[in-house]
Amino acid sequence: VLLALHAYQEARWRSGWRPLLPVLLLFIAAGMAKPMA
């Protein structure tokens, strides 16, 4: 989750949806560790 927030902070420097893909993948990883994500 914290890595996802870092990736989201980084994505603000770029346009489009593609920079959000790492955020989504980290979100999925967090959910695979605990559903509280």
PDB file of all heavy atoms in Angstrom:
ATOM      1  N   VAL A   1       0.835  -1.199   0.000  1.00  0.00           N
ATOM      2  CA  VAL A   1       0.000   0.000   0.000  1.00  0.00           C
ATOM      3  C   VAL A   1       0.874   1.255   0.000  1.00  0.00           C
ATOM      4  O   VAL A   1       0.623   2.218  -0.747  1.00  0.00           O
ATOM      5  CB  VAL A   1      -0.948   0.000   1.214  1.00  0.00           C
ATOM      6  CG1 VAL A   1      -1.532   1.389   1.461  1.00  0.00           C
ATOM      7  CG2 VAL A   1      -2.089  -0.985   0.993  1.00  0.00           C
ATOM      8  N   LEU A   2       1.915   1.263   0.823  1.00  0.00           N
ATOM      9  CA  LEU A   2       2.805   2.425   0.868  1.00  0.00           C
ATOM     10  C   LEU A   2       3.563   2.594  -0.446  1.00  0.00           C
ATOM     11  O   LEU A   2       3.753   3.723  -0.927  1.00  0.00           O
ATOM     12  CB  LEU A   2       3.776   2.269   2.039  1.00  0.00           C
ATOM     13  CG  LEU A   2       3.142   2.444   3.421  1.00  0.00           C
ATOM     14  CD1 LEU A   2       4.074   1.942   4.516  1.00  0.00           C
ATOM     15  CD2 LEU A   2       2.790   3.914   3.663  1.00  0.00           C
ATOM     16  N   LEU A   3       3.987   1.483  -1.044  1.00  0.00           N
ATOM     17  CA  LEU A   3       4.618   1.577  -2.361  1.00  0.00           C
ATOM     18  C   LEU A   3       3.641   2.128  -3.398  1.00  0.00           C
ATOM     19  O   LEU A   3       4.023   2.908  -4.280  1.00  0.00           O
ATOM     20  CB  LEU A   3       5.124   0.203  -2.804  1.00  0.00           C
ATOM     21  CG  LEU A   3       6.401  -0.311  -2.143  1.00  0.00           C
ATOM     22  CD1 LEU A   3       6.728  -1.711  -2.667  1.00  0.00           C
ATOM     23  CD2 LEU A   3       7.578   0.632  -2.403  1.00  0.00           C
ATOM     24  N   ALA A   4       2.361   1.727  -3.299  1.00  0.00           N
ATOM     25  CA  ALA A   4       1.350   2.232  -4.228  1.00  0.00           C
ATOM     26  C   ALA A   4       1.178   3.740  -4.078  1.00  0.00           C
ATOM     27  O   ALA A   4       1.036   4.467  -5.078  1.00  0.00           O
ATOM     28  CB  ALA A   4       0.018   1.515  -3.998  1.00  0.00           C
ATOM     29  N   LEU A   5       1.202   4.241  -2.845  1.00  0.00           N
ATOM     30  CA  LEU A   5       1.087   5.684  -2.630  1.00  0.00           C
ATOM     31  C   LEU A   5       2.302   6.417  -3.190  1.00  0.00           C
ATOM     32  O   LEU A   5       2.173   7.510  -3.760  1.00  0.00           O
ATOM     33  CB  LEU A   5       0.921   5.975  -1.137  1.00  0.00           C
ATOM     34  CG  LEU A   5      -0.443   5.624  -0.547  1.00  0.00           C
ATOM     35  CD1 LEU A   5      -0.427   5.786   0.973  1.00  0.00           C
ATOM     36  CD2 LEU A   5      -1.545   6.499  -1.156  1.00  0.00           C
ATOM     37  N   HIS A   6       3.477   5.828  -3.047  1.00  0.00           N
ATOM     38  CA  HIS A   6       4.666   6.427  -3.656  1.00  0.00           C
ATOM     39  C   HIS A   6       4.533   6.462  -5.175  1.00  0.00           C
ATOM     40  O   HIS A   6       4.858   7.474  -5.816  1.00  0.00           O
ATOM     41  CB  HIS A   6       5.912   5.621  -3.262  1.00  0.00           C
ATOM     42  CG  HIS A   6       6.520   6.040  -1.966  1.00  0.00           C
ATOM     43  ND1 HIS A   6       7.380   7.107  -1.844  1.00  0.00           N
ATOM     44  CD2 HIS A   6       6.379   5.528  -0.710  1.00  0.00           C
ATOM     45  CE1 HIS A   6       7.763   7.237  -0.587  1.00  0.00           C
ATOM     46  NE2 HIS A   6       7.164   6.287   0.119  1.00  0.00           N
ATOM     47  N   ALA A   7       4.059   5.367  -5.756  1.00  0.00           N
ATOM     48  CA  ALA A   7       3.889   5.320  -7.207  1.00  0.00           C
ATOM     49  C   ALA A   7       2.841   6.335  -7.658  1.00  0.00           C
ATOM     50  O   ALA A   7       2.971   6.946  -8.733  1.00  0.00           O
ATOM     51  CB  ALA A   7       3.487   3.912  -7.644  1.00  0.00           C
ATOM     52  N   TYR A   8       1.803   6.525  -6.858  1.00  0.00           N
ATOM     53  CA  TYR A   8       0.765   7.499  -7.197  1.00  0.00           C
ATOM     54  C   TYR A   8       1.324   8.915  -7.116  1.00  0.00           C
ATOM     55  O   TYR A   8       1.005   9.766  -7.950  1.00  0.00           O
ATOM     56  CB  TYR A   8      -0.418   7.336  -6.247  1.00  0.00           C
ATOM     57  CG  TYR A   8      -1.640   8.115  -6.663  1.00  0.00           C
ATOM     58  CD1 TYR A   8      -2.341   7.779  -7.811  1.00  0.00           C
ATOM     59  CD2 TYR A   8      -2.105   9.181  -5.891  1.00  0.00           C
ATOM     60  CE1 TYR A   8      -3.456   8.488  -8.204  1.00  0.00           C
ATOM     61  CE2 TYR A   8      -3.226   9.892  -6.269  1.00  0.00           C
ATOM     62  CZ  TYR A   8      -3.899   9.550  -7.424  1.00  0.00           C
ATOM     63  OH  TYR A   8      -5.011  10.254  -7.810  1.00  0.00           O
ATOM     64  N   GLN A   9       2.159   9.164  -6.110  1.00  0.00           N
ATOM     65  CA  GLN A   9       2.805  10.467  -5.995  1.00  0.00           C
ATOM     66  C   GLN A   9       3.667  10.739  -7.226  1.00  0.00           C
ATOM     67  O   GLN A   9       3.704  11.849  -7.748  1.00  0.00           O
ATOM     68  CB  GLN A   9       3.665  10.496  -4.732  1.00  0.00           C
ATOM     69  CG  GLN A   9       4.439  11.776  -4.507  1.00  0.00           C
ATOM     70  CD  GLN A   9       3.622  12.843  -3.815  1.00  0.00           C
ATOM     71  OE1 GLN A   9       2.481  12.602  -3.444  1.00  0.00           O
ATOM     72  NE2 GLN A   9       4.206  14.021  -3.654  1.00  0.00           N
ATOM     73  N   GLU A  10       4.353   9.705  -7.708  1.00  0.00           N
ATOM     74  CA  GLU A  10       5.208   9.847  -8.885  1.00  0.00           C
ATOM     75  C   GLU A  10       4.379  10.041 -10.156  1.00  0.00           C
ATOM     76  O   GLU A  10       4.780  10.778 -11.062  1.00  0.00           O
ATOM     77  CB  GLU A  10       6.089   8.599  -9.027  1.00  0.00           C
ATOM     78  CG  GLU A  10       7.130   8.679 -10.102  1.00  0.00           C
ATOM     79  CD  GLU A  10       8.257   9.638  -9.772  1.00  0.00           C
ATOM     80  OE1 GLU A  10       8.481   9.917  -8.568  1.00  0.00           O
ATOM     81  OE2 GLU A  10       8.893  10.124 -10.715  1.00  0.00           O
ATOM     82  N   ALA A  11       3.198   9.401 -10.215  1.00  0.00           N
ATOM     83  CA  ALA A  11       2.376   9.462 -11.427  1.00  0.00           C
ATOM     84  C   ALA A  11       1.864  10.865 -11.712  1.00  0.00           C
ATOM     85  O   ALA A  11       1.505  11.165 -12.856  1.00  0.00           O
ATOM     86  CB  ALA A  11       1.191   8.501 -11.298  1.00  0.00           C
ATOM     87  N   ARG A  12       1.846  11.745 -10.725  1.00  0.00           N
ATOM     88  CA  ARG A  12       1.321  13.085 -10.966  1.00  0.00           C
ATOM     89  C   ARG A  12       2.194  13.878 -11.931  1.00  0.00           C
ATOM     90  O   ARG A  12       1.761  14.883 -12.473  1.00  0.00           O
ATOM     91  CB  ARG A  12       1.206  13.841  -9.638  1.00  0.00           C
ATOM     92  CG  ARG A  12       2.543  14.302  -9.056  1.00  0.00           C
ATOM     93  CD  ARG A  12       2.358  14.913  -7.691  1.00  0.00           C
ATOM     94  NE  ARG A  12       3.628  15.329  -7.128  1.00  0.00           N
ATOM     95  CZ  ARG A  12       3.899  16.567  -6.737  1.00  0.00           C
ATOM     96  NH1 ARG A  12       2.998  17.519  -6.887  1.00  0.00           N
ATOM     97  NH2 ARG A  12       5.059  16.859  -6.212  1.00  0.00           N
ATOM     98  N   TRP A  13       3.440  13.429 -12.129  1.00  0.00           N
ATOM     99  CA  TRP A  13       4.326  14.143 -13.044  1.00  0.00           C
ATOM    100  C   TRP A  13       4.073  13.755 -14.494  1.00  0.00           C
ATOM    101  O   TRP A  13       4.682  14.321 -15.397  1.00  0.00           O
ATOM    102  CB  TRP A  13       5.792  13.840 -12.701  1.00  0.00           C
ATOM    103  CG  TRP A  13       6.190  14.260 -11.333  1.00  0.00           C
ATOM    104  CD1 TRP A  13       6.397  13.449 -10.252  1.00  0.00           C
ATOM    105  CD2 TRP A  13       6.408  15.590 -10.856  1.00  0.00           C
ATOM    106  NE1 TRP A  13       6.741  14.187  -9.155  1.00  0.00           N
ATOM    107  CE2 TRP A  13       6.746  15.509  -9.491  1.00  0.00           C
ATOM    108  CE3 TRP A  13       6.342  16.842 -11.462  1.00  0.00           C
ATOM    109  CZ2 TRP A  13       7.034  16.624  -8.721  1.00  0.00           C
ATOM    110  CZ3 TRP A  13       6.624  17.962 -10.685  1.00  0.00           C
ATOM    111  CH2 TRP A  13       6.969  17.846  -9.345  1.00  0.00           C
ATOM    112  N   ARG A  14       3.208  12.786 -14.736  1.00  0.00           N
ATOM    113  CA  ARG A  14       3.020  12.285 -16.101  1.00  0.00           C
ATOM    114  C   ARG A  14       1.540  12.302 -16.463  1.00  0.00           C
ATOM    115  O   ARG A  14       0.685  12.198 -15.593  1.00  0.00           O
ATOM    116  CB  ARG A  14       3.581  10.864 -16.219  1.00  0.00           C
ATOM    117  CG  ARG A  14       5.079  10.792 -15.937  1.00  0.00           C
ATOM    118  CD  ARG A  14       5.578   9.365 -15.946  1.00  0.00           C
ATOM    119  NE  ARG A  14       7.025   9.308 -15.772  1.00  0.00           N
ATOM    120  CZ  ARG A  14       7.629   9.296 -14.597  1.00  0.00           C
ATOM    121  NH1 ARG A  14       6.907   9.321 -13.488  1.00  0.00           N
ATOM    122  NH2 ARG A  14       8.947   9.255 -14.508  1.00  0.00           N
ATOM    123  N   SER A  15       1.253  12.379 -17.749  1.00  0.00           N
ATOM    124  CA  SER A  15      -0.129  12.427 -18.210  1.00  0.00           C
ATOM    125  C   SER A  15      -0.598  11.044 -18.622  1.00  0.00           C
ATOM    126  O   SER A  15       0.202  10.130 -18.843  1.00  0.00           O
ATOM    127  CB  SER A  15      -0.249  13.400 -19.389  1.00  0.00           C
ATOM    128  OG  SER A  15       0.566  12.968 -20.463  1.00  0.00           O
ATOM    129  N   GLY A  16      -1.918  10.907 -18.754  1.00  0.00           N
ATOM    130  CA  GLY A  16      -2.492   9.653 -19.205  1.00  0.00           C
ATOM    131  C   GLY A  16      -2.692   8.645 -18.086  1.00  0.00           C
ATOM    132  O   GLY A  16      -2.363   8.889 -16.920  1.00  0.00           O
ATOM    133  N   TRP A  17      -3.238   7.465 -18.496  1.00  0.00           N
ATOM    134  CA  TRP A  17      -3.548   6.450 -17.500  1.00  0.00           C
ATOM    135  C   TRP A  17      -2.386   5.489 -17.276  1.00  0.00           C
ATOM    136  O   TRP A  17      -2.293   4.865 -16.240  1.00  0.00           O
ATOM    137  CB  TRP A  17      -4.786   5.649 -17.944  1.00  0.00           C
ATOM    138  CG  TRP A  17      -5.442   4.976 -16.785  1.00  0.00           C
ATOM    139  CD1 TRP A  17      -6.433   5.481 -16.002  1.00  0.00           C
ATOM    140  CD2 TRP A  17      -5.140   3.669 -16.266  1.00  0.00           C
ATOM    141  NE1 TRP A  17      -6.765   4.589 -15.019  1.00  0.00           N
ATOM    142  CE2 TRP A  17      -5.995   3.467 -15.158  1.00  0.00           C
ATOM    143  CE3 TRP A  17      -4.242   2.676 -16.625  1.00  0.00           C
ATOM    144  CZ2 TRP A  17      -5.969   2.299 -14.409  1.00  0.00           C
ATOM    145  CZ3 TRP A  17      -4.212   1.505 -15.878  1.00  0.00           C
ATOM    146  CH2 TRP A  17      -5.072   1.324 -14.779  1.00  0.00           C
ATOM    147  N   ARG A  18      -1.471   5.405 -18.237  1.00  0.00           N
ATOM    148  CA  ARG A  18      -0.386   4.422 -18.148  1.00  0.00           C
ATOM    149  C   ARG A  18       0.447   4.570 -16.865  1.00  0.00           C
ATOM    150  O   ARG A  18       0.822   3.557 -16.258  1.00  0.00           O
ATOM    151  CB  ARG A  18       0.502   4.517 -19.384  1.00  0.00           C
ATOM    152  CG  ARG A  18       1.589   3.455 -19.430  1.00  0.00           C
ATOM    153  CD  ARG A  18       2.346   3.490 -20.740  1.00  0.00           C
ATOM    154  NE  ARG A  18       1.481   3.171 -21.864  1.00  0.00           N
ATOM    155  CZ  ARG A  18       1.882   3.152 -23.124  1.00  0.00           C
ATOM    156  NH1 ARG A  18       3.139   3.466 -23.414  1.00  0.00           N
ATOM    157  NH2 ARG A  18       1.038   2.847 -24.095  1.00  0.00           N
ATOM    158  N   PRO A  19       0.769   5.796 -16.408  1.00  0.00           N
ATOM    159  CA  PRO A  19       1.541   5.914 -15.167  1.00  0.00           C
ATOM    160  C   PRO A  19       0.832   5.339 -13.947  1.00  0.00           C
ATOM    161  O   PRO A  19       1.474   5.056 -12.931  1.00  0.00           O
ATOM    162  CB  PRO A  19       1.736   7.428 -15.016  1.00  0.00           C
ATOM    163  CG  PRO A  19       1.619   7.967 -16.395  1.00  0.00           C
ATOM    164  CD  PRO A  19       0.597   7.100 -17.072  1.00  0.00           C
ATOM    165  N   LEU A  20      -0.498   5.167 -14.045  1.00  0.00           N
ATOM    166  CA  LEU A  20      -1.246   4.595 -12.920  1.00  0.00           C
ATOM    167  C   LEU A  20      -1.188   3.072 -12.890  1.00  0.00           C
ATOM    168  O   LEU A  20      -1.600   2.465 -11.902  1.00  0.00           O
ATOM    169  CB  LEU A  20      -2.712   5.038 -12.984  1.00  0.00           C
ATOM    170  CG  LEU A  20      -2.981   6.520 -12.720  1.00  0.00           C
ATOM    171  CD1 LEU A  20      -4.452   6.831 -12.932  1.00  0.00           C
ATOM    172  CD2 LEU A  20      -2.559   6.910 -11.313  1.00  0.00           C
ATOM    173  N   LEU A  21      -0.675   2.445 -13.959  1.00  0.00           N
ATOM    174  CA  LEU A  21      -0.620   0.987 -13.995  1.00  0.00           C
ATOM    175  C   LEU A  21       0.224   0.405 -12.859  1.00  0.00           C
ATOM    176  O   LEU A  21      -0.200  -0.556 -12.213  1.00  0.00           O
ATOM    177  CB  LEU A  21      -0.089   0.518 -15.356  1.00  0.00           C
ATOM    178  CG  LEU A  21      -0.066  -0.997 -15.577  1.00  0.00           C
ATOM    179  CD1 LEU A  21      -1.463  -1.602 -15.415  1.00  0.00           C
ATOM    180  CD2 LEU A  21       0.499  -1.331 -16.954  1.00  0.00           C
ATOM    181  N   PRO A  22       1.420   0.963 -12.556  1.00  0.00           N
ATOM    182  CA  PRO A  22       2.157   0.437 -11.399  1.00  0.00           C
ATOM    183  C   PRO A  22       1.378   0.556 -10.097  1.00  0.00           C
ATOM    184  O   PRO A  22       1.469  -0.323  -9.229  1.00  0.00           O
ATOM    185  CB  PRO A  22       3.428   1.290 -11.361  1.00  0.00           C
ATOM    186  CG  PRO A  22       3.584   1.808 -12.749  1.00  0.00           C
ATOM    187  CD  PRO A  22       2.191   1.993 -13.266  1.00  0.00           C
ATOM    188  N   VAL A  23       0.596   1.629  -9.962  1.00  0.00           N
ATOM    189  CA  VAL A  23      -0.215   1.801  -8.754  1.00  0.00           C
ATOM    190  C   VAL A  23      -1.243   0.686  -8.658  1.00  0.00           C
ATOM    191  O   VAL A  23      -1.445   0.088  -7.588  1.00  0.00           O
ATOM    192  CB  VAL A  23      -0.919   3.176  -8.760  1.00  0.00           C
ATOM    193  CG1 VAL A  23      -1.625   3.415  -7.429  1.00  0.00           C
ATOM    194  CG2 VAL A  23       0.074   4.291  -9.052  1.00  0.00           C
ATOM    195  N   LEU A  24      -1.889   0.385  -9.788  1.00  0.00           N
ATOM    196  CA  LEU A  24      -2.904  -0.670  -9.802  1.00  0.00           C
ATOM    197  C   LEU A  24      -2.285  -2.030  -9.498  1.00  0.00           C
ATOM    198  O   LEU A  24      -2.850  -2.829  -8.732  1.00  0.00           O
ATOM    199  CB  LEU A  24      -3.608  -0.695 -11.156  1.00  0.00           C
ATOM    200  CG  LEU A  24      -4.781  -1.680 -11.294  1.00  0.00           C
ATOM    201  CD1 LEU A  24      -5.896  -1.342 -10.324  1.00  0.00           C
ATOM    202  CD2 LEU A  24      -5.304  -1.686 -12.733  1.00  0.00           C
ATOM    203  N   LEU A  25      -1.119  -2.319 -10.070  1.00  0.00           N
ATOM    204  CA  LEU A  25      -0.463  -3.607  -9.825  1.00  0.00           C
ATOM    205  C   LEU A  25      -0.047  -3.743  -8.361  1.00  0.00           C
ATOM    206  O   LEU A  25      -0.182  -4.821  -7.761  1.00  0.00           O
ATOM    207  CB  LEU A  25       0.748  -3.749 -10.740  1.00  0.00           C
ATOM    208  CG  LEU A  25       0.452  -3.861 -12.235  1.00  0.00           C
ATOM    209  CD1 LEU A  25       1.740  -3.901 -13.041  1.00  0.00           C
ATOM    210  CD2 LEU A  25      -0.400  -5.098 -12.535  1.00  0.00           C
ATOM    211  N   LEU A  26       0.444  -2.660  -7.764  1.00  0.00           N
ATOM    212  CA  LEU A  26       0.811  -2.697  -6.350  1.00  0.00           C
ATOM    213  C   LEU A  26      -0.431  -2.854  -5.481  1.00  0.00           C
ATOM    214  O   LEU A  26      -0.383  -3.514  -4.430  1.00  0.00           O
ATOM    215  CB  LEU A  26       1.574  -1.422  -5.980  1.00  0.00           C
ATOM    216  CG  LEU A  26       2.996  -1.338  -6.533  1.00  0.00           C
ATOM    217  CD1 LEU A  26       3.533   0.085  -6.422  1.00  0.00           C
ATOM    218  CD2 LEU A  26       3.910  -2.320  -5.809  1.00  0.00           C
ATOM    219  N   PHE A  27      -1.541  -2.276  -5.917  1.00  0.00           N
ATOM    220  CA  PHE A  27      -2.810  -2.444  -5.204  1.00  0.00           C
ATOM    221  C   PHE A  27      -3.239  -3.909  -5.227  1.00  0.00           C
ATOM    222  O   PHE A  27      -3.646  -4.472  -4.209  1.00  0.00           O
ATOM    223  CB  PHE A  27      -3.859  -1.549  -5.849  1.00  0.00           C
ATOM    224  CG  PHE A  27      -5.255  -1.711  -5.302  1.00  0.00           C
ATOM    225  CD1 PHE A  27      -5.478  -1.993  -3.960  1.00  0.00           C
ATOM    226  CD2 PHE A  27      -6.353  -1.573  -6.141  1.00  0.00           C
ATOM    227  CE1 PHE A  27      -6.768  -2.126  -3.458  1.00  0.00           C
ATOM    228  CE2 PHE A  27      -7.641  -1.706  -5.651  1.00  0.00           C
ATOM    229  CZ  PHE A  27      -7.848  -1.993  -4.307  1.00  0.00           C
ATOM    230  N   ILE A  28      -3.123  -4.540  -6.367  1.00  0.00           N
ATOM    231  CA  ILE A  28      -3.473  -5.961  -6.475  1.00  0.00           C
ATOM    232  C   ILE A  28      -2.566  -6.797  -5.568  1.00  0.00           C
ATOM    233  O   ILE A  28      -3.020  -7.705  -4.867  1.00  0.00           O
ATOM    234  CB  ILE A  28      -3.385  -6.422  -7.932  1.00  0.00           C
ATOM    235  CG1 ILE A  28      -4.465  -5.724  -8.770  1.00  0.00           C
ATOM    236  CG2 ILE A  28      -3.540  -7.939  -8.040  1.00  0.00           C
ATOM    237  CD1 ILE A  28      -4.328  -5.946 -10.266  1.00  0.00           C
ATOM    238  N   ALA A  29      -1.268  -6.483  -5.567  1.00  0.00           N
ATOM    239  CA  ALA A  29      -0.334  -7.199  -4.700  1.00  0.00           C
ATOM    240  C   ALA A  29      -0.714  -7.023  -3.232  1.00  0.00           C
ATOM    241  O   ALA A  29      -0.677  -7.986  -2.449  1.00  0.00           O
ATOM    242  CB  ALA A  29       1.096  -6.709  -4.947  1.00  0.00           C
ATOM    243  N   ALA A  30      -1.079  -5.802  -2.845  1.00  0.00           N
ATOM    244  CA  ALA A  30      -1.493  -5.554  -1.464  1.00  0.00           C
ATOM    245  C   ALA A  30      -2.735  -6.371  -1.113  1.00  0.00           C
ATOM    246  O   ALA A  30      -2.826  -6.954  -0.026  1.00  0.00           O
ATOM    247  CB  ALA A  30      -1.774  -4.069  -1.256  1.00  0.00           C
ATOM    248  N   GLY A  31      -3.696  -6.432  -2.059  1.00  0.00           N
ATOM    249  CA  GLY A  31      -4.905  -7.215  -1.817  1.00  0.00           C
ATOM    250  C   GLY A  31      -4.637  -8.695  -1.733  1.00  0.00           C
ATOM    251  O   GLY A  31      -5.362  -9.433  -1.053  1.00  0.00           O
ATOM    252  N   MET A  32      -3.579  -9.172  -2.409  1.00  0.00           N
ATOM    253  CA  MET A  32      -3.211 -10.583  -2.339  1.00  0.00           C
ATOM    254  C   MET A  32      -2.471 -10.911  -1.042  1.00  0.00           C
ATOM    255  O   MET A  32      -2.265 -12.080  -0.719  1.00  0.00           O
ATOM    256  CB  MET A  32      -2.346 -10.951  -3.544  1.00  0.00           C
ATOM    257  CG  MET A  32      -3.097 -10.907  -4.866  1.00  0.00           C
ATOM    258  SD  MET A  32      -2.007 -11.130  -6.307  1.00  0.00           S
ATOM    259  CE  MET A  32      -1.558 -12.861  -6.129  1.00  0.00           C
ATOM    260  N   ALA A  33      -2.052  -9.871  -0.333  1.00  0.00           N
ATOM    261  CA  ALA A  33      -1.432 -10.076   0.977  1.00  0.00           C
ATOM    262  C   ALA A  33      -2.471 -10.014   2.088  1.00  0.00           C
ATOM    263  O   ALA A  33      -2.421 -10.791   3.040  1.00  0.00           O
ATOM    264  CB  ALA A  33      -0.346  -9.033   1.220  1.00  0.00           C
ATOM    265  N   LYS A  34      -3.429  -9.082   1.970  1.00  0.00           N
ATOM    266  CA  LYS A  34      -4.496  -8.957   2.969  1.00  0.00           C
ATOM    267  C   LYS A  34      -5.633  -8.153   2.351  1.00  0.00           C
ATOM    268  O   LYS A  34      -5.392  -7.081   1.771  1.00  0.00           O
ATOM    269  CB  LYS A  34      -3.982  -8.256   4.229  1.00  0.00           C
ATOM    270  CG  LYS A  34      -4.971  -8.262   5.378  1.00  0.00           C
ATOM    271  CD  LYS A  34      -4.368  -7.659   6.635  1.00  0.00           C
ATOM    272  CE  LYS A  34      -5.347  -7.739   7.806  1.00  0.00           C
ATOM    273  NZ  LYS A  34      -4.779  -7.193   9.054  1.00  0.00           N
ATOM    274  N   PRO A  35      -6.880  -8.630   2.474  1.00  0.00           N
ATOM    275  CA  PRO A  35      -8.002  -7.935   1.829  1.00  0.00           C
ATOM    276  C   PRO A  35      -8.241  -6.523   2.355  1.00  0.00           C
ATOM    277  O   PRO A  35      -8.954  -5.753   1.706  1.00  0.00           O
ATOM    278  CB  PRO A  35      -9.203  -8.839   2.149  1.00  0.00           C
ATOM    279  CG  PRO A  35      -8.614 -10.177   2.438  1.00  0.00           C
ATOM    280  CD  PRO A  35      -7.290  -9.917   3.072  1.00  0.00           C
ATOM    281  N   MET A  36      -7.654  -6.171   3.486  1.00  0.00           N
ATOM    282  CA  MET A  36      -7.824  -4.824   4.012  1.00  0.00           C
ATOM    283  C   MET A  36      -7.362  -3.753   3.014  1.00  0.00           C
ATOM    284  O   MET A  36      -7.708  -2.570   3.138  1.00  0.00           O
ATOM    285  CB  MET A  36      -7.072  -4.655   5.328  1.00  0.00           C
ATOM    286  CG  MET A  36      -7.412  -3.393   6.096  1.00  0.00           C
ATOM    287  SD  MET A  36      -6.467  -3.231   7.621  1.00  0.00           S
ATOM    288  CE  MET A  36      -7.200  -4.550   8.594  1.00  0.00           C
ATOM    289  N   ALA A  37      -6.607  -4.164   1.999  1.00  0.00           N
ATOM    290  CA  ALA A  37      -6.143  -3.223   0.980  1.00  0.00           C
ATOM    291  C   ALA A  37      -7.286  -2.588   0.202  1.00  0.00           C
ATOM    292  O   ALA A  37      -7.053  -1.636  -0.551  1.00  0.00           O
ATOM    293  CB  ALA A  37      -5.189  -3.925   0.018  1.00  0.00           C
TER     294      ALA A  37
END
